[in-house]
């Protein structure tokens, strides 16, 4: 669980991260969708690492800055709670847990990388 994010649930904050790579996922309609992986996500105010990695959809905001491997980025996002894990109601299995994510990234900018490890 991302404990530092849990304390700020529902808030919109500024974060820094390092771009690693582009990936793919199948969305809820069954279509392929591009995603991006960010590592070493830190709170821009406190410089504390809030999570080791996070995936976002490769939106137009990320496309505009022309991402390259190892590039530092800064963005605002909302901290949200979500359920993760396996649930099968028919079989009576509930292995879900509460976790926290960043959603709705905005104000995305490239920054000078301050030796952020990948």
C-alpha atoms as a PDB file:
ATOM      1  CA  UNK A   1       0.000   0.000   0.000  1.00  0.00           C
ATOM      2  CA  UNK A   2       1.142   3.509  -0.737  1.00  0.00           C
ATOM      3  CA  UNK A   3       1.014   4.853   2.814  1.00  0.00           C
ATOM      4  CA  UNK A   4       2.208   8.382   2.054  1.00  0.00           C
ATOM      5  CA  UNK A   5      -0.557   8.750  -0.537  1.00  0.00           C
ATOM      6  CA  UNK A   6      -3.161   7.447   1.934  1.00  0.00           C
ATOM      7  CA  UNK A   7      -2.641  10.521   4.131  1.00  0.00           C
ATOM      8  CA  UNK A   8      -3.512  12.816   1.228  1.00  0.00           C
ATOM      9  CA  UNK A   9      -6.535  11.018  -0.225  1.00  0.00           C
ATOM     10  CA  UNK A  10      -8.780  13.331  -2.246  1.00  0.00           C
ATOM     11  CA  UNK A  11      -6.202  16.112  -2.582  1.00  0.00           C
ATOM     12  CA  UNK A  12      -4.716  17.494  -5.798  1.00  0.00           C
ATOM     13  CA  UNK A  13      -0.948  17.887  -5.474  1.00  0.00           C
ATOM     14  CA  UNK A  14       2.168  18.499  -7.561  1.00  0.00           C
ATOM     15  CA  UNK A  15       4.491  15.541  -8.229  1.00  0.00           C
ATOM     16  CA  UNK A  16       7.833  14.858  -9.946  1.00  0.00           C
ATOM     17  CA  UNK A  17       8.799  11.602 -11.646  1.00  0.00           C
ATOM     18  CA  UNK A  18      11.112  10.008 -14.205  1.00  0.00           C
ATOM     19  CA  UNK A  19       9.713   8.612 -17.457  1.00  0.00           C
ATOM     20  CA  UNK A  20      10.795   5.000 -18.088  1.00  0.00           C
ATOM     21  CA  UNK A  21       8.883   3.544 -21.054  1.00  0.00           C
ATOM     22  CA  UNK A  22       5.671   3.252 -23.041  1.00  0.00           C
ATOM     23  CA  UNK A  23       3.485   0.170 -22.581  1.00  0.00           C
ATOM     24  CA  UNK A  24       0.077  -1.150 -23.662  1.00  0.00           C
ATOM     25  CA  UNK A  25      -3.086  -2.324 -21.959  1.00  0.00           C
ATOM     26  CA  UNK A  26      -6.513  -3.477 -23.067  1.00  0.00           C
ATOM     27  CA  UNK A  27      -9.172  -0.980 -21.980  1.00  0.00           C
ATOM     28  CA  UNK A  28     -12.643  -1.877 -20.694  1.00  0.00           C
ATOM     29  CA  UNK A  29     -14.055  -1.859 -24.244  1.00  0.00           C
ATOM     30  CA  UNK A  30     -11.433  -4.372 -25.410  1.00  0.00           C
ATOM     31  CA  UNK A  31      -9.280  -1.939 -27.413  1.00  0.00           C
ATOM     32  CA  UNK A  32      -5.517  -1.561 -27.042  1.00  0.00           C
ATOM     33  CA  UNK A  33      -4.415   1.625 -25.296  1.00  0.00           C
ATOM     34  CA  UNK A  34      -0.918   3.132 -24.831  1.00  0.00           C
ATOM     35  CA  UNK A  35       0.314   3.702 -21.277  1.00  0.00           C
ATOM     36  CA  UNK A  36       3.432   5.225 -19.721  1.00  0.00           C
ATOM     37  CA  UNK A  37       5.497   4.056 -16.761  1.00  0.00           C
ATOM     38  CA  UNK A  38       6.875   6.626 -14.314  1.00  0.00           C
ATOM     39  CA  UNK A  39       9.433   5.738 -11.614  1.00  0.00           C
ATOM     40  CA  UNK A  40      10.477   7.442  -8.377  1.00  0.00           C
ATOM     41  CA  UNK A  41       7.313   9.543  -8.016  1.00  0.00           C
ATOM     42  CA  UNK A  42       7.997  12.249  -5.429  1.00  0.00           C
ATOM     43  CA  UNK A  43       5.921  14.964  -3.791  1.00  0.00           C
ATOM     44  CA  UNK A  44       7.165  18.248  -5.306  1.00  0.00           C
ATOM     45  CA  UNK A  45       6.753  20.131  -1.994  1.00  0.00           C
ATOM     46  CA  UNK A  46       8.496  17.709   0.388  1.00  0.00           C
ATOM     47  CA  UNK A  47      10.722  15.781  -2.081  1.00  0.00           C
ATOM     48  CA  UNK A  48       9.572  12.533  -0.401  1.00  0.00           C
ATOM     49  CA  UNK A  49       9.112   9.480  -2.632  1.00  0.00           C
ATOM     50  CA  UNK A  50       5.390   8.613  -2.504  1.00  0.00           C
ATOM     51  CA  UNK A  51       5.572   5.530  -4.739  1.00  0.00           C
ATOM     52  CA  UNK A  52       8.266   3.641  -6.618  1.00  0.00           C
ATOM     53  CA  UNK A  53       6.256   3.518  -9.865  1.00  0.00           C
ATOM     54  CA  UNK A  54       2.921   4.461 -11.427  1.00  0.00           C
ATOM     55  CA  UNK A  55       1.214   3.829 -14.772  1.00  0.00           C
ATOM     56  CA  UNK A  56      -0.816   6.473 -16.622  1.00  0.00           C
ATOM     57  CA  UNK A  57      -2.677   6.422 -19.915  1.00  0.00           C
ATOM     58  CA  UNK A  58      -0.528   8.070 -22.603  1.00  0.00           C
ATOM     59  CA  UNK A  59      -2.737  11.149 -22.899  1.00  0.00           C
ATOM     60  CA  UNK A  60      -2.304  14.256 -25.073  1.00  0.00           C
ATOM     61  CA  UNK A  61      -0.740  16.090 -22.135  1.00  0.00           C
ATOM     62  CA  UNK A  62       2.128  13.578 -22.056  1.00  0.00           C
ATOM     63  CA  UNK A  63       2.378  13.514 -25.871  1.00  0.00           C
ATOM     64  CA  UNK A  64       2.876  17.302 -26.027  1.00  0.00           C
ATOM     65  CA  UNK A  65       6.126  17.278 -24.038  1.00  0.00           C
ATOM     66  CA  UNK A  66       7.775  14.614 -26.243  1.00  0.00           C
ATOM     67  CA  UNK A  67       8.783  12.001 -23.672  1.00  0.00           C
ATOM     68  CA  UNK A  68      12.209  10.380 -23.903  1.00  0.00           C
ATOM     69  CA  UNK A  69      13.659   7.667 -21.660  1.00  0.00           C
ATOM     70  CA  UNK A  70      15.039   9.086 -18.397  1.00  0.00           C
ATOM     71  CA  UNK A  71      13.286  12.438 -18.814  1.00  0.00           C
ATOM     72  CA  UNK A  72      12.121  14.181 -15.644  1.00  0.00           C
ATOM     73  CA  UNK A  73       8.533  15.426 -15.596  1.00  0.00           C
ATOM     74  CA  UNK A  74       6.397  17.424 -13.196  1.00  0.00           C
ATOM     75  CA  UNK A  75       2.603  17.230 -13.044  1.00  0.00           C
ATOM     76  CA  UNK A  76      -0.426  17.746 -10.837  1.00  0.00           C
ATOM     77  CA  UNK A  77      -2.673  14.799  -9.990  1.00  0.00           C
ATOM     78  CA  UNK A  78      -5.449  13.841  -7.604  1.00  0.00           C
ATOM     79  CA  UNK A  79      -4.827  11.140  -4.979  1.00  0.00           C
ATOM     80  CA  UNK A  80      -7.640   8.555  -5.129  1.00  0.00           C
ATOM     81  CA  UNK A  81      -8.474   5.340  -3.328  1.00  0.00           C
ATOM     82  CA  UNK A  82      -9.165   2.148  -5.319  1.00  0.00           C
ATOM     83  CA  UNK A  83      -9.642  -1.603  -4.746  1.00  0.00           C
ATOM     84  CA  UNK A  84      -7.103  -4.022  -6.175  1.00  0.00           C
ATOM     85  CA  UNK A  85      -6.890  -7.793  -6.136  1.00  0.00           C
ATOM     86  CA  UNK A  86      -8.958 -10.805  -7.180  1.00  0.00           C
ATOM     87  CA  UNK A  87     -12.681 -11.123  -6.436  1.00  0.00           C
ATOM     88  CA  UNK A  88     -14.943 -14.038  -7.458  1.00  0.00           C
ATOM     89  CA  UNK A  89     -18.345 -13.673  -5.761  1.00  0.00           C
ATOM     90  CA  UNK A  90     -19.649 -16.947  -7.170  1.00  0.00           C
ATOM     91  CA  UNK A  91     -16.794 -18.920  -5.567  1.00  0.00           C
ATOM     92  CA  UNK A  92     -16.761 -16.784  -2.428  1.00  0.00           C
ATOM     93  CA  UNK A  93     -13.236 -15.471  -3.033  1.00  0.00           C
ATOM     94  CA  UNK A  94     -12.373 -11.916  -2.041  1.00  0.00           C
ATOM     95  CA  UNK A  95      -8.652 -11.182  -2.125  1.00  0.00           C
ATOM     96  CA  UNK A  96      -9.069  -7.449  -2.678  1.00  0.00           C
ATOM     97  CA  UNK A  97      -7.327  -4.695  -0.753  1.00  0.00           C
ATOM     98  CA  UNK A  98      -7.529  -0.920  -0.587  1.00  0.00           C
ATOM     99  CA  UNK A  99      -4.734   1.039  -2.254  1.00  0.00           C
ATOM    100  CA  UNK A 100      -4.116   4.566  -3.541  1.00  0.00           C
ATOM    101  CA  UNK A 101      -3.350   5.919  -6.999  1.00  0.00           C
ATOM    102  CA  UNK A 102      -2.777   9.194  -8.801  1.00  0.00           C
ATOM    103  CA  UNK A 103      -5.443  10.171 -11.321  1.00  0.00           C
ATOM    104  CA  UNK A 104      -6.310  12.997 -13.699  1.00  0.00           C
ATOM    105  CA  UNK A 105      -2.770  14.294 -14.385  1.00  0.00           C
ATOM    106  CA  UNK A 106      -2.696  17.923 -15.576  1.00  0.00           C
ATOM    107  CA  UNK A 107      -0.156  20.750 -15.993  1.00  0.00           C
ATOM    108  CA  UNK A 108       2.443  18.284 -17.305  1.00  0.00           C
ATOM    109  CA  UNK A 109       5.899  19.793 -17.906  1.00  0.00           C
ATOM    110  CA  UNK A 110       9.386  18.502 -18.651  1.00  0.00           C
ATOM    111  CA  UNK A 111      11.941  19.366 -15.971  1.00  0.00           C
ATOM    112  CA  UNK A 112      15.693  19.246 -15.669  1.00  0.00           C
ATOM    113  CA  UNK A 113      16.492  15.851 -14.186  1.00  0.00           C
ATOM    114  CA  UNK A 114      18.112  16.204 -10.761  1.00  0.00           C
ATOM    115  CA  UNK A 115      19.823  12.785 -10.892  1.00  0.00           C
ATOM    116  CA  UNK A 116      16.548  10.907 -10.295  1.00  0.00           C
ATOM    117  CA  UNK A 117      17.323   7.172 -10.481  1.00  0.00           C
ATOM    118  CA  UNK A 118      15.418   5.003 -12.934  1.00  0.00           C
END
